[in-house]
PDB file of N, CA and C in Angstrom:
ATOM      1  N   VAL A   1      82.202 120.497 105.607  1.00  0.00           N
ATOM      2  CA  VAL A   1      83.108 119.881 104.925  1.00  0.00           C
ATOM      3  C   VAL A   1      82.778 118.558 103.863  1.00  0.00           C
ATOM      4  N   ASP A   2      82.732 118.660 102.512  1.00  0.00           N
ATOM      5  CA  ASP A   2      82.343 117.546 101.710  1.00  0.00           C
ATOM      6  C   ASP A   2      83.352 116.277 101.550  1.00  0.00           C
ATOM      7  N   ARG A   3      82.681 115.031 101.995  1.00  0.00           N
ATOM      8  CA  ARG A   3      83.458 113.852 101.688  1.00  0.00           C
ATOM      9  C   ARG A   3      82.773 113.089 100.880  1.00  0.00           C
ATOM     10  N   PRO A   4      83.078 112.067 100.481  1.00  0.00           N
ATOM     11  CA  PRO A   4      82.649 111.275  99.482  1.00  0.00           C
ATOM     12  C   PRO A   4      81.320 109.977  99.865  1.00  0.00           C
ATOM     13  N   ALA A   5      80.319 110.626  99.625  1.00  0.00           N
ATOM     14  CA  ALA A   5      79.134 109.486 100.115  1.00  0.00           C
ATOM     15  C   ALA A   5      80.107 108.000 100.539  1.00  0.00           C
ATOM     16  N   ALA A   6      80.376 106.918  99.529  1.00  0.00           N
ATOM     17  CA  ALA A   6      80.940 105.843  99.569  1.00  0.00           C
ATOM     18  C   ALA A   6      81.930 105.627 100.617  1.00  0.00           C
ATOM     19  N   ALA A   7      83.019 106.786 100.737  1.00  0.00           N
ATOM     20  CA  ALA A   7      83.435 106.862 101.919  1.00  0.00           C
ATOM     21  C   ALA A   7      82.987 106.586 103.323  1.00  0.00           C
ATOM     22  N   LEU A   8      81.948 107.796 103.400  1.00  0.00           N
ATOM     23  CA  LEU A   8      81.532 107.474 104.985  1.00  0.00           C
ATOM     24  C   LEU A   8      80.199 105.974 104.917  1.00  0.00           C
ATOM     25  N   CYS A   9      79.961 105.587 103.775  1.00  0.00           N
ATOM     26  CA  CYS A   9      79.547 104.491 103.734  1.00  0.00           C
ATOM     27  C   CYS A   9      80.213 103.106 104.670  1.00  0.00           C
ATOM     28  N   VAL A  10      81.174 103.503 104.044  1.00  0.00           N
ATOM     29  CA  VAL A  10      82.262 102.357 104.478  1.00  0.00           C
ATOM     30  C   VAL A  10      83.068 102.404 105.807  1.00  0.00           C
ATOM     31  N   VAL A  11      82.982 104.023 106.582  1.00  0.00           N
ATOM     32  CA  VAL A  11      82.982 104.356 107.963  1.00  0.00           C
ATOM     33  C   VAL A  11      82.143 103.953 108.796  1.00  0.00           C
ATOM     34  N   THR A  12      80.695 104.381 108.254  1.00  0.00           N
ATOM     35  CA  THR A  12      79.635 103.895 108.871  1.00  0.00           C
ATOM     36  C   THR A  12      79.192 102.281 109.077  1.00  0.00           C
ATOM     37  N   SER A  13      79.975 101.763 108.135  1.00  0.00           N
ATOM     38  CA  SER A  13      79.779 100.028 108.111  1.00  0.00           C
ATOM     39  C   SER A  13      80.994  99.524 109.246  1.00  0.00           C
ATOM     40  N   ILE A  14      81.624 100.261 109.174  1.00  0.00           N
ATOM     41  CA  ILE A  14      82.941  99.521 110.199  1.00  0.00           C
ATOM     42  C   ILE A  14      82.703 100.409 111.672  1.00  0.00           C
ATOM     43  N   CYS A  15      81.575 101.437 112.105  1.00  0.00           N
ATOM     44  CA  CYS A  15      81.521 101.502 113.040  1.00  0.00           C
ATOM     45  C   CYS A  15      80.418 100.872 113.879  1.00  0.00           C
ATOM     46  N   GLU A  16      79.283 100.505 113.015  1.00  0.00           N
ATOM     47  CA  GLU A  16      78.222  99.754 112.865  1.00  0.00           C
ATOM     48  C   GLU A  16      78.512  97.962 113.114  1.00  0.00           C
ATOM     49  N   SER A  17      79.422  97.736 113.208  1.00  0.00           N
ATOM     50  CA  SER A  17      80.085  96.368 113.116  1.00  0.00           C
ATOM     51  C   SER A  17      80.063  96.141 114.486  1.00  0.00           C
ATOM     52  N   THR A  18      80.053  94.919 115.211  1.00  0.00           N
ATOM     53  CA  THR A  18      80.598  94.799 116.490  1.00  0.00           C
ATOM     54  C   THR A  18      81.803  94.675 116.825  1.00  0.00           C
ATOM     55  N   HIS A  19      83.001  94.302 115.624  1.00  0.00           N
ATOM     56  CA  HIS A  19      84.030  94.007 115.873  1.00  0.00           C
ATOM     57  C   HIS A  19      84.588  95.040 115.041  1.00  0.00           C
ATOM     58  N   GLU A  20      84.662  96.410 115.217  1.00  0.00           N
ATOM     59  CA  GLU A  20      85.375  97.479 114.900  1.00  0.00           C
ATOM     60  C   GLU A  20      86.930  97.162 113.766  1.00  0.00           C
ATOM     61  N   PRO A  21      87.641  96.700 114.948  1.00  0.00           N
ATOM     62  CA  PRO A  21      89.589  96.262 114.326  1.00  0.00           C
ATOM     63  C   PRO A  21      89.223  95.262 113.230  1.00  0.00           C
ATOM     64  N   LEU A  22      88.280  94.298 113.135  1.00  0.00           N
ATOM     65  CA  LEU A  22      88.030  93.067 112.616  1.00  0.00           C
ATOM     66  C   LEU A  22      87.062  92.870 111.373  1.00  0.00           C
ATOM     67  N   HIS A  23      86.990  94.625 111.210  1.00  0.00           N
ATOM     68  CA  HIS A  23      85.880  94.491 109.978  1.00  0.00           C
ATOM     69  C   HIS A  23      86.617  94.310 108.999  1.00  0.00           C
ATOM     70  N   PRO A  24      85.741  93.526 107.711  1.00  0.00           N
ATOM     71  CA  PRO A  24      86.458  93.328 106.374  1.00  0.00           C
ATOM     72  C   PRO A  24      86.207  94.492 105.246  1.00  0.00           C
ATOM     73  N   VAL A  25      87.597  94.923 105.233  1.00  0.00           N
ATOM     74  CA  VAL A  25      87.549  96.164 104.161  1.00  0.00           C
ATOM     75  C   VAL A  25      88.750  95.673 102.857  1.00  0.00           C
ATOM     76  N   ALA A  26      89.519  94.410 102.753  1.00  0.00           N
ATOM     77  CA  ALA A  26      90.315  94.117 101.378  1.00  0.00           C
ATOM     78  C   ALA A  26      89.500  94.130 100.623  1.00  0.00           C
ATOM     79  N   ASP A  27      88.358  94.320 100.368  1.00  0.00           N
ATOM     80  CA  ASP A  27      87.602  94.389  99.354  1.00  0.00           C
ATOM     81  C   ASP A  27      87.523  95.657  98.651  1.00  0.00           C
ATOM     82  N   VAL A  28      87.663  96.724  99.377  1.00  0.00           N
ATOM     83  CA  VAL A  28      87.789  98.345  99.192  1.00  0.00           C
ATOM     84  C   VAL A  28      88.900  98.678  98.212  1.00  0.00           C
ATOM     85  N   ALA A  29      88.273  99.223  97.232  1.00  0.00           N
ATOM     86  CA  ALA A  29      88.728  99.969  95.904  1.00  0.00           C
ATOM     87  C   ALA A  29      90.201 100.762  96.981  1.00  0.00           C
ATOM     88  N   PHE A  30      91.215 101.039  96.540  1.00  0.00           N
ATOM     89  CA  PHE A  30      92.194 101.766  96.768  1.00  0.00           C
ATOM     90  C   PHE A  30      92.065 103.374  96.901  1.00  0.00           C
ATOM     91  N   ASP A  31      91.379 103.937  96.181  1.00  0.00           N
ATOM     92  CA  ASP A  31      90.893 104.932  96.202  1.00  0.00           C
ATOM     93  C   ASP A  31      89.862 105.470  97.397  1.00  0.00           C
ATOM     94  N   LYS A  32      88.669 104.557  97.643  1.00  0.00           N
ATOM     95  CA  LYS A  32      87.701 104.560  98.666  1.00  0.00           C
ATOM     96  C   LYS A  32      88.659 104.095  99.855  1.00  0.00           C
ATOM     97  N   LEU A  33      89.358 103.639  99.831  1.00  0.00           N
ATOM     98  CA  LEU A  33      90.248 103.494 101.059  1.00  0.00           C
ATOM     99  C   LEU A  33      90.680 104.414 101.766  1.00  0.00           C
ATOM    100  N   MET A  34      91.233 105.083 100.752  1.00  0.00           N
ATOM    101  CA  MET A  34      92.244 106.702 100.878  1.00  0.00           C
ATOM    102  C   MET A  34      90.984 107.559 101.570  1.00  0.00           C
ATOM    103  N   ASP A  35      89.994 107.678 100.813  1.00  0.00           N
ATOM    104  CA  ASP A  35      89.058 108.686 101.089  1.00  0.00           C
ATOM    105  C   ASP A  35      88.194 108.087 102.424  1.00  0.00           C
ATOM    106  N   ALA A  36      88.188 106.904 102.739  1.00  0.00           N
ATOM    107  CA  ALA A  36      87.528 106.330 104.109  1.00  0.00           C
ATOM    108  C   ALA A  36      88.167 106.742 105.008  1.00  0.00           C
ATOM    109  N   ILE A  37      89.677 106.618 104.936  1.00  0.00           N
ATOM    110  CA  ILE A  37      90.873 107.259 106.185  1.00  0.00           C
ATOM    111  C   ILE A  37      90.649 108.473 106.557  1.00  0.00           C
ATOM    112  N   GLU A  38      90.636 109.434 105.163  1.00  0.00           N
ATOM    113  CA  GLU A  38      89.986 110.905 105.297  1.00  0.00           C
ATOM    114  C   GLU A  38      88.759 111.225 106.241  1.00  0.00           C
ATOM    115  N   ALA A  39      87.523 110.452 105.745  1.00  0.00           N
ATOM    116  CA  ALA A  39      86.478 110.365 106.410  1.00  0.00           C
ATOM    117  C   ALA A  39      86.359 110.266 107.878  1.00  0.00           C
ATOM    118  N   ALA A  40      87.061 109.067 107.942  1.00  0.00           N
ATOM    119  CA  ALA A  40      87.328 108.887 109.640  1.00  0.00           C
ATOM    120  C   ALA A  40      88.469 109.578 110.423  1.00  0.00           C
ATOM    121  N   HIS A  41      89.094 110.239 110.096  1.00  0.00           N
ATOM    122  CA  HIS A  41      89.838 111.291 110.568  1.00  0.00           C
ATOM    123  C   HIS A  41      88.854 112.330 110.727  1.00  0.00           C
ATOM    124  N   TYR A  42      88.344 113.102 109.816  1.00  0.00           N
ATOM    125  CA  TYR A  42      87.393 113.913 109.962  1.00  0.00           C
ATOM    126  C   TYR A  42      86.559 113.773 110.975  1.00  0.00           C
ATOM    127  N   LEU A  43      85.658 112.472 111.089  1.00  0.00           N
ATOM    128  CA  LEU A  43      84.600 112.085 112.062  1.00  0.00           C
ATOM    129  C   LEU A  43      85.132 111.565 113.545  1.00  0.00           C
ATOM    130  N   ALA A  44      86.387 111.740 113.452  1.00  0.00           N
ATOM    131  CA  ALA A  44      87.172 111.595 114.880  1.00  0.00           C
ATOM    132  C   ALA A  44      86.826 110.004 115.145  1.00  0.00           C
ATOM    133  N   ALA A  45      86.235 108.886 114.192  1.00  0.00           N
ATOM    134  CA  ALA A  45      85.704 107.673 114.442  1.00  0.00           C
ATOM    135  C   ALA A  45      87.171 106.584 114.323  1.00  0.00           C
ATOM    136  N   ASP A  46      87.758 106.734 115.912  1.00  0.00           N
ATOM    137  CA  ASP A  46      89.350 105.984 116.046  1.00  0.00           C
ATOM    138  C   ASP A  46      89.222 104.247 115.568  1.00  0.00           C
ATOM    139  N   GLY A  47      87.906 103.879 116.045  1.00  0.00           N
ATOM    140  CA  GLY A  47      87.886 102.638 115.523  1.00  0.00           C
ATOM    141  C   GLY A  47      88.271 102.140 114.050  1.00  0.00           C
ATOM    142  N   ALA A  48      87.146 103.132 113.684  1.00  0.00           N
ATOM    143  CA  ALA A  48      87.296 102.863 111.474  1.00  0.00           C
ATOM    144  C   ALA A  48      88.768 103.223 111.182  1.00  0.00           C
ATOM    145  N   LEU A  49      89.254 104.263 111.720  1.00  0.00           N
ATOM    146  CA  LEU A  49      90.201 104.816 111.234  1.00  0.00           C
ATOM    147  C   LEU A  49      91.510 104.013 111.891  1.00  0.00           C
ATOM    148  N   SER A  50      91.707 102.854 112.789  1.00  0.00           N
ATOM    149  CA  SER A  50      92.298 102.072 113.128  1.00  0.00           C
ATOM    150  C   SER A  50      92.550 101.049 112.016  1.00  0.00           C
ATOM    151  N   CYS A  51      91.155 100.650 111.654  1.00  0.00           N
ATOM    152  CA  CYS A  51      90.672  99.339 110.855  1.00  0.00           C
ATOM    153  C   CYS A  51      91.061  99.588 109.745  1.00  0.00           C
ATOM    154  N   LEU A  52      91.069 100.855 108.899  1.00  0.00           N
ATOM    155  CA  LEU A  52      91.586 101.401 107.359  1.00  0.00           C
ATOM    156  C   LEU A  52      92.756 101.404 107.493  1.00  0.00           C
ATOM    157  N   ALA A  53      93.550 102.290 108.886  1.00  0.00           N
ATOM    158  CA  ALA A  53      94.868 102.335 108.349  1.00  0.00           C
ATOM    159  C   ALA A  53      95.817 100.985 108.489  1.00  0.00           C
ATOM    160  N   ASN A  54      94.663  99.938 109.266  1.00  0.00           N
ATOM    161  CA  ASN A  54      95.390  98.685 109.571  1.00  0.00           C
ATOM    162  C   ASN A  54      95.447  98.183 107.839  1.00  0.00           C
ATOM    163  N   GLU A  55      94.776  98.235 107.059  1.00  0.00           N
ATOM    164  CA  GLU A  55      94.183  97.810 105.843  1.00  0.00           C
ATOM    165  C   GLU A  55      95.612  98.336 104.950  1.00  0.00           C
ATOM    166  N   LEU A  56      95.791  99.771 104.828  1.00  0.00           N
ATOM    167  CA  LEU A  56      96.239 100.475 104.031  1.00  0.00           C
ATOM    168  C   LEU A  56      97.842  99.959 104.756  1.00  0.00           C
ATOM    169  N   PHE A  57      98.336  99.149 105.552  1.00  0.00           N
ATOM    170  CA  PHE A  57      99.483  98.961 105.868  1.00  0.00           C
ATOM    171  C   PHE A  57      99.780  97.614 105.192  1.00  0.00           C
ATOM    172  N   CYS A  58      98.655  97.086 105.099  1.00  0.00           N
ATOM    173  CA  CYS A  58      98.802  95.437 104.752  1.00  0.00           C
ATOM    174  C   CYS A  58      99.173  95.732 103.218  1.00  0.00           C
ATOM    175  N   ARG A  59      98.428  96.522 102.289  1.00  0.00           N
ATOM    176  CA  ARG A  59      98.709  96.839 101.232  1.00  0.00           C
ATOM    177  C   ARG A  59      99.942  97.065 101.010  1.00  0.00           C
ATOM    178  N   MET A  60     100.641  98.063 101.809  1.00  0.00           N
ATOM    179  CA  MET A  60     101.976  98.858 101.534  1.00  0.00           C
ATOM    180  C   MET A  60     102.920  97.781 101.987  1.00  0.00           C
ATOM    181  N   SER A  61     102.692  96.694 103.032  1.00  0.00           N
ATOM    182  CA  SER A  61     103.731  95.667 103.188  1.00  0.00           C
ATOM    183  C   SER A  61     104.561  95.140 102.429  1.00  0.00           C
ATOM    184  N   GLY A  62     105.873  95.313 102.144  1.00  0.00           N
ATOM    185  CA  GLY A  62     106.354  94.560 101.173  1.00  0.00           C
ATOM    186  C   GLY A  62     106.686  94.924  99.631  1.00  0.00           C
ATOM    187  N   LYS A  63     106.080  96.629  99.742  1.00  0.00           N
ATOM    188  CA  LYS A  63     106.312  97.207  98.548  1.00  0.00           C
ATOM    189  C   LYS A  63     107.968  97.592  98.576  1.00  0.00           C
ATOM    190  N   SER A  64     108.268  97.960  97.152  1.00  0.00           N
ATOM    191  CA  SER A  64     109.679  98.788  97.505  1.00  0.00           C
ATOM    192  C   SER A  64     109.219 100.025  97.050  1.00  0.00           C
ATOM    193  N   VAL A  65     110.258 100.896  97.617  1.00  0.00           N
ATOM    194  CA  VAL A  65     109.962 102.544  97.113  1.00  0.00           C
ATOM    195  C   VAL A  65     109.317 102.766  95.960  1.00  0.00           C
ATOM    196  N   ASP A  66     109.802 102.367  94.952  1.00  0.00           N
ATOM    197  CA  ASP A  66     109.417 102.956  93.649  1.00  0.00           C
ATOM    198  C   ASP A  66     107.489 102.511  93.598  1.00  0.00           C
ATOM    199  N   GLU A  67     107.094 101.448  94.382  1.00  0.00           N
ATOM    200  CA  GLU A  67     105.954 100.943  94.568  1.00  0.00           C
ATOM    201  C   GLU A  67     105.116 102.014  95.286  1.00  0.00           C
ATOM    202  N   LEU A  68     105.562 102.160  96.189  1.00  0.00           N
ATOM    203  CA  LEU A  68     104.831 102.911  97.228  1.00  0.00           C
ATOM    204  C   LEU A  68     104.735 104.443  96.483  1.00  0.00           C
ATOM    205  N   ILE A  69     105.900 105.166  96.145  1.00  0.00           N
ATOM    206  CA  ILE A  69     105.277 106.155  95.517  1.00  0.00           C
ATOM    207  C   ILE A  69     104.603 106.142  94.201  1.00  0.00           C
ATOM    208  N   ALA A  70     104.387 105.147  93.442  1.00  0.00           N
ATOM    209  CA  ALA A  70     103.198 104.804  92.630  1.00  0.00           C
ATOM    210  C   ALA A  70     101.986 104.896  93.235  1.00  0.00           C
ATOM    211  N   MET A  71     101.743 103.955  94.439  1.00  0.00           N
ATOM    212  CA  MET A  71     100.618 103.633  95.434  1.00  0.00           C
ATOM    213  C   MET A  71      99.802 105.128  95.725  1.00  0.00           C
ATOM    214  N   LEU A  72     101.135 106.091  96.309  1.00  0.00           N
ATOM    215  CA  LEU A  72     100.979 106.995  97.533  1.00  0.00           C
ATOM    216  C   LEU A  72     100.669 108.448  96.736  1.00  0.00           C
ATOM    217  N   CYS A  73     101.253 108.686  95.349  1.00  0.00           N
ATOM    218  CA  CYS A  73     101.331 109.615  94.656  1.00  0.00           C
ATOM    219  C   CYS A  73     101.005 109.035  93.204  1.00  0.00           C
ATOM    220  N   PRO A  74      99.740 109.093  92.874  1.00  0.00           N
ATOM    221  CA  PRO A  74      99.386 108.750  91.530  1.00  0.00           C
ATOM    222  C   PRO A  74      99.505 109.433  90.435  1.00  0.00           C
ATOM    223  N   SER A  75      99.812 111.084  90.951  1.00  0.00           N
ATOM    224  CA  SER A  75      99.530 111.809  89.672  1.00  0.00           C
ATOM    225  C   SER A  75     100.676 112.797  89.879  1.00  0.00           C
ATOM    226  N   ALA A  76     100.956 113.406  88.436  1.00  0.00           N
ATOM    227  CA  ALA A  76     102.264 113.566  88.247  1.00  0.00           C
ATOM    228  C   ALA A  76     102.381 114.467  89.114  1.00  0.00           C
ATOM    229  N   ASP A  77     101.811 115.516  89.679  1.00  0.00           N
ATOM    230  CA  ASP A  77     101.638 117.018  90.338  1.00  0.00           C
ATOM    231  C   ASP A  77     102.232 116.483  91.604  1.00  0.00           C
ATOM    232  N   GLU A  78     101.898 115.063  92.070  1.00  0.00           N
ATOM    233  CA  GLU A  78     102.390 114.362  93.730  1.00  0.00           C
ATOM    234  C   GLU A  78     103.659 114.353  94.050  1.00  0.00           C
ATOM    235  N   ALA A  79     104.256 113.798  92.313  1.00  0.00           N
ATOM    236  CA  ALA A  79     105.052 113.393  92.258  1.00  0.00           C
ATOM    237  C   ALA A  79     106.313 113.881  92.741  1.00  0.00           C
ATOM    238  N   ILE A  80     107.456 112.870  93.492  1.00  0.00           N
ATOM    239  CA  ILE A  80     109.102 113.458  93.552  1.00  0.00           C
ATOM    240  C   ILE A  80     109.927 113.863  92.803  1.00  0.00           C
ATOM    241  N   PRO A  81     110.339 114.882  92.922  1.00  0.00           N
ATOM    242  CA  PRO A  81     111.270 115.424  91.743  1.00  0.00           C
ATOM    243  C   PRO A  81     112.608 114.721  92.164  1.00  0.00           C
ATOM    244  N   ASP A  82     112.994 113.942  90.624  1.00  0.00           N
ATOM    245  CA  ASP A  82     114.255 113.249  90.824  1.00  0.00           C
ATOM    246  C   ASP A  82     115.605 113.803  92.032  1.00  0.00           C
ATOM    247  N   SER A  83     115.464 115.264  91.944  1.00  0.00           N
ATOM    248  CA  SER A  83     116.628 115.548  92.184  1.00  0.00           C
ATOM    249  C   SER A  83     116.427 115.522  94.052  1.00  0.00           C
ATOM    250  N   GLU A  84     114.855 115.617  94.316  1.00  0.00           N
ATOM    251  CA  GLU A  84     115.118 115.488  95.797  1.00  0.00           C
ATOM    252  C   GLU A  84     114.387 114.139  96.237  1.00  0.00           C
ATOM    253  N   ARG A  85     114.183 113.431  95.112  1.00  0.00           N
ATOM    254  CA  ARG A  85     113.628 111.780  95.495  1.00  0.00           C
ATOM    255  C   ARG A  85     115.740 111.122  95.911  1.00  0.00           C
ATOM    256  N   ALA A  86     116.488 111.472  95.045  1.00  0.00           N
ATOM    257  CA  ALA A  86     117.659 110.803  95.409  1.00  0.00           C
ATOM    258  C   ALA A  86     118.116 111.187  96.596  1.00  0.00           C
ATOM    259  N   SER A  87     117.721 112.483  96.935  1.00  0.00           N
ATOM    260  CA  SER A  87     118.748 112.880  98.081  1.00  0.00           C
ATOM    261  C   SER A  87     117.598 112.117  99.624  1.00  0.00           C
ATOM    262  N   GLN A  88     116.406 112.148  98.952  1.00  0.00           N
ATOM    263  CA  GLN A  88     115.509 111.416 100.621  1.00  0.00           C
ATOM    264  C   GLN A  88     115.681 109.793 100.291  1.00  0.00           C
ATOM    265  N   LEU A  89     116.344 109.104  99.154  1.00  0.00           N
ATOM    266  CA  LEU A  89     116.610 107.842  98.964  1.00  0.00           C
ATOM    267  C   LEU A  89     118.238 107.495  99.748  1.00  0.00           C
ATOM    268  N   ALA A  90     118.860 108.751 100.083  1.00  0.00           N
ATOM    269  CA  ALA A  90     120.158 108.513 100.419  1.00  0.00           C
ATOM    270  C   ALA A  90     119.836 108.117 102.167  1.00  0.00           C
ATOM    271  N   GLU A  91     118.744 109.195 102.987  1.00  0.00           N
ATOM    272  CA  GLU A  91     118.648 108.869 103.995  1.00  0.00           C
ATOM    273  C   GLU A  91     118.558 107.523 104.548  1.00  0.00           C
ATOM    274  N   PRO A  92     118.861 107.573 106.047  1.00  0.00           N
ATOM    275  CA  PRO A  92     118.700 106.352 106.420  1.00  0.00           C
ATOM    276  C   PRO A  92     117.243 106.322 106.841  1.00  0.00           C
ATOM    277  N   LEU A  93     116.704 104.889 106.780  1.00  0.00           N
ATOM    278  CA  LEU A  93     115.476 104.718 107.539  1.00  0.00           C
ATOM    279  C   LEU A  93     115.105 104.554 108.861  1.00  0.00           C
ATOM    280  N   PHE A  94     113.959 105.288 108.949  1.00  0.00           N
ATOM    281  CA  PHE A  94     113.506 105.181 110.283  1.00  0.00           C
ATOM    282  C   PHE A  94     113.340 103.969 110.990  1.00  0.00           C
ATOM    283  N   GLU A  95     113.848 103.721 112.370  1.00  0.00           N
ATOM    284  CA  GLU A  95     114.101 102.948 112.933  1.00  0.00           C
ATOM    285  C   GLU A  95     113.796 102.925 114.264  1.00  0.00           C
ATOM    286  N   PRO A  96     112.313 103.009 114.773  1.00  0.00           N
ATOM    287  CA  PRO A  96     111.866 103.429 116.346  1.00  0.00           C
ATOM    288  C   PRO A  96     113.061 102.464 117.158  1.00  0.00           C
ATOM    289  N   ASP A  97     113.123 102.742 118.828  1.00  0.00           N
ATOM    290  CA  ASP A  97     114.020 102.449 119.298  1.00  0.00           C
ATOM    291  C   ASP A  97     112.945 101.416 120.029  1.00  0.00           C
ATOM    292  N   ASP A  98     112.077 101.175 120.213  1.00  0.00           N
ATOM    293  CA  ASP A  98     110.853 100.620 120.559  1.00  0.00           C
ATOM    294  C   ASP A  98     109.840 100.420 119.658  1.00  0.00           C
ATOM    295  N   ILE A  99     109.999  99.387 119.002  1.00  0.00           N
ATOM    296  CA  ILE A  99     109.520  98.836 118.127  1.00  0.00           C
ATOM    297  C   ILE A  99     108.251  97.886 118.436  1.00  0.00           C
ATOM    298  N   ALA A 100     108.020  98.002 119.399  1.00  0.00           N
ATOM    299  CA  ALA A 100     106.819  96.755 120.245  1.00  0.00           C
ATOM    300  C   ALA A 100     105.218  97.384 119.773  1.00  0.00           C
ATOM    301  N   GLY A 101     105.451  99.291 119.755  1.00  0.00           N
ATOM    302  CA  GLY A 101     104.282  99.471 119.416  1.00  0.00           C
ATOM    303  C   GLY A 101     103.862  99.286 118.011  1.00  0.00           C
ATOM    304  N   TYR A 102     104.900  99.240 117.122  1.00  0.00           N
ATOM    305  CA  TYR A 102     104.645  99.268 115.695  1.00  0.00           C
ATOM    306  C   TYR A 102     104.362  97.942 114.933  1.00  0.00           C
ATOM    307  N   GLU A 103     104.245  96.843 115.919  1.00  0.00           N
ATOM    308  CA  GLU A 103     104.002  95.591 115.141  1.00  0.00           C
ATOM    309  C   GLU A 103     102.629  95.180 114.848  1.00  0.00           C
TER     310      GLU A 103
END
């Protein structure tokens, strides 16, 4: 399976770091971050995946639903149709019983 070289370089640099979870990835462009997350998952590079996912969560923090849709569904093909979107927004938020593992 082909993975973009830039994504593999990001994953490699995280894996080679002595402090994987603390490796700086804030300067990685969003599209490269998403490619790197996919590459880390494919390679089962759990430390890199955790580091990259934490960065994604930081970038998502505080965003509205519309901002998240714009961030995560950039193409019109991936956009949620208005009829589906209205019903999804009417659903209650997911709130885990034990949030200790989600902080």
